[in-house]
Amino acid sequence: MSSPTTLPGVATPPGAVRPARPRGQVLSQIFLVSASVLWLLPIFFALYIAVRPYADTRKHGYVSLPHSLTLSNFGDAWSQANMGRFFWNSIVITVPAVIIVLALASGAAFVLTRVNVKVNVALLILFTAGNLLPQQVIITPLFRMYLKIPLPSFLSDSGLMYNSAFGLISINVAFQLGFCVFVLSNYMKSIPGEMYEAALVDGTSLWTRFWRLTIPLCRPALAALATLLTTWIYNDFFWAITLMSSGDKRPVTSALANLQGQFVSNQNLIAAGALIAAVPTLVVYVLLQKQFISGLSLGANKG
C-alpha cells in the first residue's frame, strides 16, 4: 500500500504516519540554527556585560550569574565618551561618502554596460582589480600624499587632506567604488535590451535612459549597496586613526577608545558604548530591509 500523502494546509489525521523530512533538509536547518546562534552569541554576551555593574563583574567574573542589573552603563558611556559629537562626525563622513559612491558607480556601470566603447571590458577589469589591493599596502605613500595635498579652508581646517573629513570621505569613496561598479554593472546587464531599443526609437537622450529608465529599475541593488556601504564606512576604524590626528574629528568607532583607561579598563562601559555605536547601522538595515533582500538576487528575477 502507498503511504498517505499530506496536502498543504490539511492537518494530519490521528494515527496517520507523518512523512519524514529529507535528511538534507534537516541537516541544513540544524546548520542554519547553529550558525545563527554562533553569530548572535557575541552580541548577547556584550549586552549581558553591558547591563551588569562593574563591581559585580570585578568580584564574580564576567562569566557568572548576575547579582544585580543596571542600565547606567549606557548613560555613562554616552556622556563620558561624548558620543553625540562623534555620532555627528560619523554622519558627516558616512552620508556624503555613500551618496558619492552610488552616484559615481551607477553612472560608470551604465556607461560600461549600455554604451558601446572598446575599452569597456578593460575599465571593468580595472575597477574590479582595485578591490584586490589591500588597504594597508598603500598606507605609507597615501599618508605622505595627504600631508602634501592642499585643500581650501572650508574643506579642511589644516589646509591639507590630512586630518580632514574630506580626506576620509575621499579614501572611502576610492576603495568602495570598484565593488559597487562591479555589482551594478552585473545588475544592469540583466535589464532587457529591448527596453533601451524602444526608448531609443522614441528619441530619448542618454541621460533620460539613465535617470528615468535605469535608476528606477536598479533601486533594489542601490538599496542593498547603500546598506552595505553604510555599514562598512560607518564601522571604519583603520583610516580614522591613520588619517585623522584630532580626536574630536574622528568617527564614533574611535570614540570607544575614550572609554579605555590607562591602567584599568571598564569592559562593561565599553560593551555599552559598542552597542550604542551599533544602533545606526541596525536602523539603516531595518529601514532598507525589503529593498536589501530584493537586491541580493542582483537581477536574477529579471528577464
C-alpha atoms as a PDB file:
ATOM      1  CA  MET A   1       0.000   0.000   0.000  1.00  0.00           C
ATOM      2  CA  SER A   2       1.201   3.503  -0.708  1.00  0.00           C
ATOM      3  CA  SER A   3       1.844   5.834   2.230  1.00  0.00           C
ATOM      4  CA  PRO A   4      -0.730   8.553   2.815  1.00  0.00           C
ATOM      5  CA  THR A   5       0.015  11.925   1.283  1.00  0.00           C
ATOM      6  CA  THR A   6      -0.416  15.052   3.376  1.00  0.00           C
ATOM      7  CA  LEU A   7      -1.772  18.029   1.463  1.00  0.00           C
ATOM      8  CA  PRO A   8      -0.530  21.533   2.291  1.00  0.00           C
ATOM      9  CA  GLY A   9      -2.720  23.251   4.860  1.00  0.00           C
ATOM     10  CA  VAL A  10      -4.507  19.995   5.828  1.00  0.00           C
ATOM     11  CA  ALA A  11      -3.937  18.604   9.341  1.00  0.00           C
ATOM     12  CA  THR A  12      -2.592  15.075   9.641  1.00  0.00           C
ATOM     13  CA  PRO A  13      -5.384  12.662  10.750  1.00  0.00           C
ATOM     14  CA  PRO A  14      -4.919  10.998  14.154  1.00  0.00           C
ATOM     15  CA  GLY A  15      -2.957   7.785  13.845  1.00  0.00           C
ATOM     16  CA  ALA A  16      -1.636   8.631  10.383  1.00  0.00           C
ATOM     17  CA  VAL A  17       2.092   8.426   9.759  1.00  0.00           C
ATOM     18  CA  ARG A  18       3.645  11.848   9.182  1.00  0.00           C
ATOM     19  CA  PRO A  19       6.031  11.740   6.205  1.00  0.00           C
ATOM     20  CA  ALA A  20       9.651  12.088   7.257  1.00  0.00           C
ATOM     21  CA  ARG A  21      11.600  15.153   6.189  1.00  0.00           C
ATOM     22  CA  PRO A  22      14.515  14.625   3.837  1.00  0.00           C
ATOM     23  CA  ARG A  23      17.780  14.211   5.688  1.00  0.00           C
ATOM     24  CA  GLY A  24      19.409  17.039   3.773  1.00  0.00           C
ATOM     25  CA  GLN A  25      16.682  19.472   4.811  1.00  0.00           C
ATOM     26  CA  VAL A  26      17.083  18.528   8.480  1.00  0.00           C
ATOM     27  CA  LEU A  27      20.858  18.939   8.324  1.00  0.00           C
ATOM     28  CA  SER A  28      20.547  22.314   6.587  1.00  0.00           C
ATOM     29  CA  GLN A  29      18.166  23.572   9.271  1.00  0.00           C
ATOM     30  CA  ILE A  30      20.495  22.395  12.025  1.00  0.00           C
ATOM     31  CA  PHE A  31      23.384  24.147  10.318  1.00  0.00           C
ATOM     32  CA  LEU A  32      21.433  27.413   9.917  1.00  0.00           C
ATOM     33  CA  VAL A  33      20.286  27.384  13.543  1.00  0.00           C
ATOM     34  CA  SER A  34      23.827  26.671  14.759  1.00  0.00           C
ATOM     35  CA  ALA A  35      25.295  29.424  12.578  1.00  0.00           C
ATOM     36  CA  SER A  36      22.668  31.903  13.817  1.00  0.00           C
ATOM     37  CA  VAL A  37      23.432  31.074  17.449  1.00  0.00           C
ATOM     38  CA  LEU A  38      27.181  31.462  16.895  1.00  0.00           C
ATOM     39  CA  TRP A  39      26.580  34.768  15.077  1.00  0.00           C
ATOM     40  CA  LEU A  40      24.340  36.210  17.809  1.00  0.00           C
ATOM     41  CA  LEU A  41      26.277  34.863  20.795  1.00  0.00           C
ATOM     42  CA  PRO A  42      28.866  37.716  20.944  1.00  0.00           C
ATOM     43  CA  ILE A  43      26.077  40.313  20.700  1.00  0.00           C
ATOM     44  CA  PHE A  44      24.082  38.753  23.519  1.00  0.00           C
ATOM     45  CA  PHE A  45      27.226  38.410  25.625  1.00  0.00           C
ATOM     46  CA  ALA A  46      28.078  42.093  25.069  1.00  0.00           C
ATOM     47  CA  LEU A  47      24.535  43.017  26.095  1.00  0.00           C
ATOM     48  CA  TYR A  48      24.843  40.781  29.164  1.00  0.00           C
ATOM     49  CA  ILE A  49      28.071  42.530  30.186  1.00  0.00           C
ATOM     50  CA  ALA A  50      26.652  45.997  29.463  1.00  0.00           C
ATOM     51  CA  VAL A  51      23.718  45.590  31.884  1.00  0.00           C
ATOM     52  CA  ARG A  52      25.923  44.420  34.782  1.00  0.00           C
ATOM     53  CA  PRO A  53      27.667  46.802  37.205  1.00  0.00           C
ATOM     54  CA  TYR A  54      31.437  46.901  37.029  1.00  0.00           C
ATOM     55  CA  ALA A  55      31.736  45.989  40.716  1.00  0.00           C
ATOM     56  CA  ASP A  56      29.688  42.849  40.146  1.00  0.00           C
ATOM     57  CA  THR A  57      31.822  41.576  37.265  1.00  0.00           C
ATOM     58  CA  ARG A  58      35.055  42.515  39.047  1.00  0.00           C
ATOM     59  CA  LYS A  59      34.038  40.447  42.063  1.00  0.00           C
ATOM     60  CA  HIS A  60      32.362  37.459  40.420  1.00  0.00           C
ATOM     61  CA  GLY A  61      33.839  37.497  36.898  1.00  0.00           C
ATOM     62  CA  TYR A  62      32.229  38.131  33.530  1.00  0.00           C
ATOM     63  CA  VAL A  63      31.105  34.529  33.080  1.00  0.00           C
ATOM     64  CA  SER A  64      28.901  34.318  36.143  1.00  0.00           C
ATOM     65  CA  LEU A  65      25.311  34.809  37.201  1.00  0.00           C
ATOM     66  CA  PRO A  66      24.442  38.479  37.790  1.00  0.00           C
ATOM     67  CA  HIS A  67      23.681  39.682  41.306  1.00  0.00           C
ATOM     68  CA  SER A  68      22.243  42.973  40.016  1.00  0.00           C
ATOM     69  CA  LEU A  69      21.424  44.611  36.682  1.00  0.00           C
ATOM     70  CA  THR A  70      21.605  48.245  35.648  1.00  0.00           C
ATOM     71  CA  LEU A  71      21.223  50.473  32.603  1.00  0.00           C
ATOM     72  CA  SER A  72      23.527  53.168  33.951  1.00  0.00           C
ATOM     73  CA  ASN A  73      26.430  51.923  31.818  1.00  0.00           C
ATOM     74  CA  PHE A  74      24.676  53.164  28.681  1.00  0.00           C
ATOM     75  CA  GLY A  75      24.216  56.661  30.080  1.00  0.00           C
ATOM     76  CA  ASP A  76      27.770  56.760  31.408  1.00  0.00           C
ATOM     77  CA  ALA A  77      29.185  55.581  28.079  1.00  0.00           C
ATOM     78  CA  TRP A  78      27.207  58.242  26.186  1.00  0.00           C
ATOM     79  CA  SER A  79      28.377  61.074  28.448  1.00  0.00           C
ATOM     80  CA  GLN A  80      31.948  60.019  29.165  1.00  0.00           C
ATOM     81  CA  ALA A  81      32.773  59.273  25.519  1.00  0.00           C
ATOM     82  CA  ASN A  82      30.880  62.349  24.257  1.00  0.00           C
ATOM     83  CA  MET A  83      29.265  60.044  21.736  1.00  0.00           C
ATOM     84  CA  GLY A  84      26.796  62.642  20.466  1.00  0.00           C
ATOM     85  CA  ARG A  85      29.650  64.617  18.892  1.00  0.00           C
ATOM     86  CA  PHE A  86      31.257  61.521  17.435  1.00  0.00           C
ATOM     87  CA  PHE A  87      27.949  60.352  16.009  1.00  0.00           C
ATOM     88  CA  TRP A  88      27.755  63.630  14.128  1.00  0.00           C
ATOM     89  CA  ASN A  89      31.305  63.124  12.840  1.00  0.00           C
ATOM     90  CA  SER A  90      30.304  59.682  11.534  1.00  0.00           C
ATOM     91  CA  ILE A  91      27.253  61.150   9.795  1.00  0.00           C
ATOM     92  CA  VAL A  92      29.368  63.864   8.154  1.00  0.00           C
ATOM     93  CA  ILE A  93      31.712  61.183   6.800  1.00  0.00           C
ATOM     94  CA  THR A  94      29.316  58.315   6.011  1.00  0.00           C
ATOM     95  CA  VAL A  95      26.366  60.034   4.319  1.00  0.00           C
ATOM     96  CA  PRO A  96      28.342  62.011   1.683  1.00  0.00           C
ATOM     97  CA  ALA A  97      30.608  59.025   1.019  1.00  0.00           C
ATOM     98  CA  VAL A  98      27.663  56.671   0.380  1.00  0.00           C
ATOM     99  CA  ILE A  99      25.902  59.182  -1.885  1.00  0.00           C
ATOM    100  CA  ILE A 100      29.052  59.921  -3.901  1.00  0.00           C
ATOM    101  CA  VAL A 101      29.918  56.228  -4.299  1.00  0.00           C
ATOM    102  CA  LEU A 102      26.432  55.286  -5.508  1.00  0.00           C
ATOM    103  CA  ALA A 103      26.259  58.265  -7.876  1.00  0.00           C
ATOM    104  CA  LEU A 104      29.652  57.595  -9.468  1.00  0.00           C
ATOM    105  CA  ALA A 105      29.199  53.813  -9.520  1.00  0.00           C
ATOM    106  CA  SER A 106      25.762  53.938 -11.148  1.00  0.00           C
ATOM    107  CA  GLY A 107      26.999  56.319 -13.851  1.00  0.00           C
ATOM    108  CA  ALA A 108      30.129  54.276 -14.528  1.00  0.00           C
ATOM    109  CA  ALA A 109      28.190  50.990 -14.580  1.00  0.00           C
ATOM    110  CA  PHE A 110      25.646  52.432 -17.032  1.00  0.00           C
ATOM    111  CA  VAL A 111      28.381  53.541 -19.422  1.00  0.00           C
ATOM    112  CA  LEU A 112      30.163  50.188 -19.153  1.00  0.00           C
ATOM    113  CA  THR A 113      27.020  48.191 -19.899  1.00  0.00           C
ATOM    114  CA  ARG A 114      24.903  50.385 -22.210  1.00  0.00           C
ATOM    115  CA  VAL A 115      27.406  52.497 -24.146  1.00  0.00           C
ATOM    116  CA  ASN A 116      29.462  50.698 -26.765  1.00  0.00           C
ATOM    117  CA  VAL A 117      33.055  51.668 -26.039  1.00  0.00           C
ATOM    118  CA  LYS A 118      36.027  49.483 -26.934  1.00  0.00           C
ATOM    119  CA  VAL A 119      37.669  49.875 -23.528  1.00  0.00           C
ATOM    120  CA  ASN A 120      34.578  48.809 -21.533  1.00  0.00           C
ATOM    121  CA  VAL A 121      35.962  45.402 -20.576  1.00  0.00           C
ATOM    122  CA  ALA A 122      39.361  46.873 -19.672  1.00  0.00           C
ATOM    123  CA  LEU A 123      37.734  49.534 -17.490  1.00  0.00           C
ATOM    124  CA  LEU A 124      35.563  46.960 -15.710  1.00  0.00           C
ATOM    125  CA  ILE A 125      38.642  44.837 -15.019  1.00  0.00           C
ATOM    126  CA  LEU A 126      40.408  47.939 -13.713  1.00  0.00           C
ATOM    127  CA  PHE A 127      37.541  48.737 -11.335  1.00  0.00           C
ATOM    128  CA  THR A 128      37.433  45.150 -10.132  1.00  0.00           C
ATOM    129  CA  ALA A 129      41.207  44.892  -9.709  1.00  0.00           C
ATOM    130  CA  GLY A 130      41.127  47.812  -7.310  1.00  0.00           C
ATOM    131  CA  ASN A 131      39.257  45.650  -4.799  1.00  0.00           C
ATOM    132  CA  LEU A 132      42.125  43.153  -4.751  1.00  0.00           C
ATOM    133  CA  LEU A 133      44.564  45.704  -3.332  1.00  0.00           C
ATOM    134  CA  PRO A 134      44.850  45.520   0.480  1.00  0.00           C
ATOM    135  CA  GLN A 135      44.372  48.890   2.097  1.00  0.00           C
ATOM    136  CA  GLN A 136      47.407  48.503   4.351  1.00  0.00           C
ATOM    137  CA  VAL A 137      49.746  48.217   1.347  1.00  0.00           C
ATOM    138  CA  ILE A 138      49.375  51.861   0.324  1.00  0.00           C
ATOM    139  CA  ILE A 139      49.281  53.407   3.789  1.00  0.00           C
ATOM    140  CA  THR A 140      52.801  54.890   3.650  1.00  0.00           C
ATOM    141  CA  PRO A 141      52.577  56.664   0.252  1.00  0.00           C
ATOM    142  CA  LEU A 142      48.975  57.665   0.953  1.00  0.00           C
ATOM    143  CA  PHE A 143      49.939  59.185   4.299  1.00  0.00           C
ATOM    144  CA  ARG A 144      52.679  61.237   2.609  1.00  0.00           C
ATOM    145  CA  MET A 145      50.260  62.364  -0.106  1.00  0.00           C
ATOM    146  CA  TYR A 146      47.719  63.501   2.453  1.00  0.00           C
ATOM    147  CA  LEU A 147      50.395  65.625   4.139  1.00  0.00           C
ATOM    148  CA  LYS A 148      51.144  67.420   0.858  1.00  0.00           C
ATOM    149  CA  ILE A 149      47.785  67.792  -0.938  1.00  0.00           C
ATOM    150  CA  PRO A 150      46.316  71.241  -0.135  1.00  0.00           C
ATOM    151  CA  LEU A 151      42.626  71.928   0.429  1.00  0.00           C
ATOM    152  CA  PRO A 152      40.657  75.181   0.774  1.00  0.00           C
ATOM    153  CA  SER A 153      39.830  76.286   4.292  1.00  0.00           C
ATOM    154  CA  PHE A 154      36.128  75.401   4.035  1.00  0.00           C
ATOM    155  CA  LEU A 155      37.081  71.743   3.444  1.00  0.00           C
ATOM    156  CA  SER A 156      39.923  71.445   5.943  1.00  0.00           C
ATOM    157  CA  ASP A 157      40.930  73.474   8.975  1.00  0.00           C
ATOM    158  CA  SER A 158      44.555  72.443   8.495  1.00  0.00           C
ATOM    159  CA  GLY A 159      44.556  73.250   4.776  1.00  0.00           C
ATOM    160  CA  LEU A 160      45.552  69.660   3.937  1.00  0.00           C
ATOM    161  CA  MET A 161      43.852  66.379   3.099  1.00  0.00           C
ATOM    162  CA  TYR A 162      45.292  65.029   6.351  1.00  0.00           C
ATOM    163  CA  ASN A 163      43.152  65.466   9.442  1.00  0.00           C
ATOM    164  CA  SER A 164      40.012  66.374   7.497  1.00  0.00           C
ATOM    165  CA  ALA A 165      36.622  64.769   6.979  1.00  0.00           C
ATOM    166  CA  PHE A 166      37.033  65.325   3.236  1.00  0.00           C
ATOM    167  CA  GLY A 167      40.132  63.142   3.306  1.00  0.00           C
ATOM    168  CA  LEU A 168      38.261  60.263   4.959  1.00  0.00           C
ATOM    169  CA  ILE A 169      35.365  60.643   2.522  1.00  0.00           C
ATOM    170  CA  SER A 170      37.754  60.540  -0.441  1.00  0.00           C
ATOM    171  CA  ILE A 171      39.580  57.378   0.629  1.00  0.00           C
ATOM    172  CA  ASN A 172      36.323  55.561   1.393  1.00  0.00           C
ATOM    173  CA  VAL A 173      34.910  56.542  -1.997  1.00  0.00           C
ATOM    174  CA  ALA A 174      38.063  55.336  -3.730  1.00  0.00           C
ATOM    175  CA  PHE A 175      38.059  51.917  -2.080  1.00  0.00           C
ATOM    176  CA  GLN A 176      34.323  51.229  -2.304  1.00  0.00           C
ATOM    177  CA  LEU A 177      33.784  52.433  -5.874  1.00  0.00           C
ATOM    178  CA  GLY A 178      35.173  49.359  -7.644  1.00  0.00           C
ATOM    179  CA  PHE A 179      32.940  46.882  -5.834  1.00  0.00           C
ATOM    180  CA  CYS A 180      29.818  48.963  -6.474  1.00  0.00           C
ATOM    181  CA  VAL A 181      30.625  49.359 -10.184  1.00  0.00           C
ATOM    182  CA  PHE A 182      31.077  45.593 -10.471  1.00  0.00           C
ATOM    183  CA  VAL A 183      27.753  44.837  -8.744  1.00  0.00           C
ATOM    184  CA  LEU A 184      25.732  47.477 -10.586  1.00  0.00           C
ATOM    185  CA  SER A 185      27.162  46.573 -13.986  1.00  0.00           C
ATOM    186  CA  ASN A 186      26.077  42.955 -13.498  1.00  0.00           C
ATOM    187  CA  TYR A 187      22.642  44.117 -12.386  1.00  0.00           C
ATOM    188  CA  MET A 188      22.219  46.463 -15.348  1.00  0.00           C
ATOM    189  CA  LYS A 189      23.180  43.689 -17.775  1.00  0.00           C
ATOM    190  CA  SER A 190      20.094  41.772 -16.622  1.00  0.00           C
ATOM    191  CA  ILE A 191      17.777  44.580 -17.778  1.00  0.00           C
ATOM    192  CA  PRO A 192      16.242  43.623 -21.170  1.00  0.00           C
ATOM    193  CA  GLY A 193      17.883  45.443 -24.040  1.00  0.00           C
ATOM    194  CA  GLU A 194      14.541  45.798 -25.808  1.00  0.00           C
ATOM    195  CA  MET A 195      13.589  48.496 -23.291  1.00  0.00           C
ATOM    196  CA  TYR A 196      16.543  50.618 -24.336  1.00  0.00           C
ATOM    197  CA  GLU A 197      15.864  49.978 -28.016  1.00  0.00           C
ATOM    198  CA  ALA A 198      12.268  51.157 -27.586  1.00  0.00           C
ATOM    199  CA  ALA A 199      13.451  54.224 -25.672  1.00  0.00           C
ATOM    200  CA  LEU A 200      15.994  54.971 -28.393  1.00  0.00           C
ATOM    201  CA  VAL A 201      13.284  54.749 -31.067  1.00  0.00           C
ATOM    202  CA  ASP A 202      11.242  57.261 -29.085  1.00  0.00           C
ATOM    203  CA  GLY A 203      14.179  59.650 -29.270  1.00  0.00           C
ATOM    204  CA  THR A 204      15.140  59.687 -25.598  1.00  0.00           C
ATOM    205  CA  SER A 205      18.549  61.040 -24.696  1.00  0.00           C
ATOM    206  CA  LEU A 206      21.312  59.109 -22.966  1.00  0.00           C
ATOM    207  CA  TRP A 207      20.649  60.967 -19.713  1.00  0.00           C
ATOM    208  CA  THR A 208      16.935  60.145 -19.850  1.00  0.00           C
ATOM    209  CA  ARG A 209      17.662  56.455 -20.420  1.00  0.00           C
ATOM    210  CA  PHE A 210      19.969  56.516 -17.431  1.00  0.00           C
ATOM    211  CA  TRP A 211      17.925  58.606 -14.979  1.00  0.00           C
ATOM    212  CA  ARG A 212      14.325  57.702 -15.860  1.00  0.00           C
ATOM    213  CA  LEU A 213      14.745  54.123 -17.052  1.00  0.00           C
ATOM    214  CA  THR A 214      17.801  52.520 -15.464  1.00  0.00           C
ATOM    215  CA  ILE A 215      17.935  54.068 -11.996  1.00  0.00           C
ATOM    216  CA  PRO A 216      14.315  53.136 -11.029  1.00  0.00           C
ATOM    217  CA  LEU A 217      14.933  49.529 -12.098  1.00  0.00           C
ATOM    218  CA  CYS A 218      18.168  49.428 -10.091  1.00  0.00           C
ATOM    219  CA  ARG A 219      16.525  50.591  -6.871  1.00  0.00           C
ATOM    220  CA  PRO A 220      16.838  47.184  -5.106  1.00  0.00           C
ATOM    221  CA  ALA A 221      20.534  46.942  -5.964  1.00  0.00           C
ATOM    222  CA  LEU A 222      21.150  50.536  -4.894  1.00  0.00           C
ATOM    223  CA  ALA A 223      19.359  49.916  -1.584  1.00  0.00           C
ATOM    224  CA  ALA A 224      21.410  46.777  -0.949  1.00  0.00           C
ATOM    225  CA  LEU A 225      24.639  48.610  -1.721  1.00  0.00           C
ATOM    226  CA  ALA A 226      23.590  51.580   0.411  1.00  0.00           C
ATOM    227  CA  THR A 227      23.081  49.245   3.367  1.00  0.00           C
ATOM    228  CA  LEU A 228      26.456  47.574   2.880  1.00  0.00           C
ATOM    229  CA  LEU A 229      28.303  50.850   2.283  1.00  0.00           C
ATOM    230  CA  THR A 230      26.776  52.467   5.356  1.00  0.00           C
ATOM    231  CA  THR A 231      27.903  49.531   7.470  1.00  0.00           C
ATOM    232  CA  TRP A 232      31.420  49.401   6.027  1.00  0.00           C
ATOM    233  CA  ILE A 233      32.149  53.135   6.082  1.00  0.00           C
ATOM    234  CA  TYR A 234      30.447  53.754   9.424  1.00  0.00           C
ATOM    235  CA  ASN A 235      32.419  50.919  11.060  1.00  0.00           C
ATOM    236  CA  ASP A 236      35.756  52.006   9.578  1.00  0.00           C
ATOM    237  CA  PHE A 237      38.464  52.327  12.198  1.00  0.00           C
ATOM    238  CA  PHE A 238      41.689  51.907  10.241  1.00  0.00           C
ATOM    239  CA  TRP A 239      41.536  55.073   8.151  1.00  0.00           C
ATOM    240  CA  ALA A 240      40.052  57.103  11.015  1.00  0.00           C
ATOM    241  CA  ILE A 241      43.070  56.596  13.278  1.00  0.00           C
ATOM    242  CA  THR A 242      45.598  56.762  10.421  1.00  0.00           C
ATOM    243  CA  LEU A 243      44.489  59.852   8.504  1.00  0.00           C
ATOM    244  CA  MET A 244      42.950  61.810  11.389  1.00  0.00           C
ATOM    245  CA  SER A 245      45.064  63.245  14.211  1.00  0.00           C
ATOM    246  CA  SER A 246      42.433  65.296  16.082  1.00  0.00           C
ATOM    247  CA  GLY A 247      40.432  63.066  18.369  1.00  0.00           C
ATOM    248  CA  ASP A 248      37.356  65.321  18.308  1.00  0.00           C
ATOM    249  CA  LYS A 249      37.106  64.938  14.498  1.00  0.00           C
ATOM    250  CA  ARG A 250      37.174  61.151  14.433  1.00  0.00           C
ATOM    251  CA  PRO A 251      34.068  58.979  13.890  1.00  0.00           C
ATOM    252  CA  VAL A 252      32.200  57.155  16.627  1.00  0.00           C
ATOM    253  CA  THR A 253      34.199  53.924  16.234  1.00  0.00           C
ATOM    254  CA  SER A 254      37.283  55.665  17.583  1.00  0.00           C
ATOM    255  CA  ALA A 255      35.249  57.306  20.372  1.00  0.00           C
ATOM    256  CA  LEU A 256      35.182  53.978  22.167  1.00  0.00           C
ATOM    257  CA  ALA A 257      38.895  54.465  22.820  1.00  0.00           C
ATOM    258  CA  ASN A 258      37.922  57.305  25.188  1.00  0.00           C
ATOM    259  CA  LEU A 259      36.396  54.682  27.479  1.00  0.00           C
ATOM    260  CA  GLN A 260      39.713  52.820  27.710  1.00  0.00           C
ATOM    261  CA  GLY A 261      41.671  53.664  30.835  1.00  0.00           C
ATOM    262  CA  GLN A 262      45.450  53.722  31.002  1.00  0.00           C
ATOM    263  CA  PHE A 263      45.701  51.051  33.671  1.00  0.00           C
ATOM    264  CA  VAL A 264      42.146  49.767  34.247  1.00  0.00           C
ATOM    265  CA  SER A 265      39.555  49.026  31.549  1.00  0.00           C
ATOM    266  CA  ASN A 266      35.850  49.084  32.371  1.00  0.00           C
ATOM    267  CA  GLN A 267      34.676  46.439  29.915  1.00  0.00           C
ATOM    268  CA  ASN A 268      31.063  46.956  30.982  1.00  0.00           C
ATOM    269  CA  LEU A 269      31.264  50.573  29.867  1.00  0.00           C
ATOM    270  CA  ILE A 270      32.997  49.650  26.609  1.00  0.00           C
ATOM    271  CA  ALA A 271      30.364  46.994  25.847  1.00  0.00           C
ATOM    272  CA  ALA A 272      27.583  49.533  26.413  1.00  0.00           C
ATOM    273  CA  GLY A 273      29.314  52.060  24.164  1.00  0.00           C
ATOM    274  CA  ALA A 274      29.813  49.466  21.434  1.00  0.00           C
ATOM    275  CA  LEU A 275      26.127  48.563  21.482  1.00  0.00           C
ATOM    276  CA  ILE A 276      25.154  52.239  21.271  1.00  0.00           C
ATOM    277  CA  ALA A 277      27.521  52.706  18.320  1.00  0.00           C
ATOM    278  CA  ALA A 278      25.896  49.751  16.528  1.00  0.00           C
ATOM    279  CA  VAL A 279      22.370  51.205  16.642  1.00  0.00           C
ATOM    280  CA  PRO A 280      22.557  53.415  13.472  1.00  0.00           C
ATOM    281  CA  THR A 281      23.581  50.541  11.192  1.00  0.00           C
ATOM    282  CA  LEU A 282      20.763  48.427  12.619  1.00  0.00           C
ATOM    283  CA  VAL A 283      18.283  51.235  11.923  1.00  0.00           C
ATOM    284  CA  VAL A 284      19.513  51.563   8.327  1.00  0.00           C
ATOM    285  CA  TYR A 285      19.100  47.837   7.774  1.00  0.00           C
ATOM    286  CA  VAL A 286      15.564  47.827   9.203  1.00  0.00           C
ATOM    287  CA  LEU A 287      14.533  50.757   7.008  1.00  0.00           C
ATOM    288  CA  LEU A 288      16.010  49.221   3.841  1.00  0.00           C
ATOM    289  CA  GLN A 289      15.356  45.589   4.715  1.00  0.00           C
ATOM    290  CA  LYS A 290      12.819  44.917   1.955  1.00  0.00           C
ATOM    291  CA  GLN A 291      14.929  46.522  -0.765  1.00  0.00           C
ATOM    292  CA  PHE A 292      18.097  44.923   0.643  1.00  0.00           C
ATOM    293  CA  ILE A 293      16.673  41.403   0.423  1.00  0.00           C
ATOM    294  CA  SER A 294      15.353  42.091  -3.101  1.00  0.00           C
ATOM    295  CA  GLY A 295      18.742  43.381  -4.177  1.00  0.00           C
ATOM    296  CA  LEU A 296      20.593  40.265  -3.012  1.00  0.00           C
ATOM    297  CA  SER A 297      19.361  38.405  -6.095  1.00  0.00           C
ATOM    298  CA  LEU A 298      21.132  41.013  -8.276  1.00  0.00           C
ATOM    299  CA  GLY A 299      18.694  40.783 -11.116  1.00  0.00           C
ATOM    300  CA  ALA A 300      18.111  37.029 -11.028  1.00  0.00           C
ATOM    301  CA  ASN A 301      14.356  37.554 -11.304  1.00  0.00           C
ATOM    302  CA  LYS A 302      14.567  39.937 -14.229  1.00  0.00           C
ATOM    303  CA  GLY A 303      14.095  38.816 -17.775  1.00  0.00           C
END
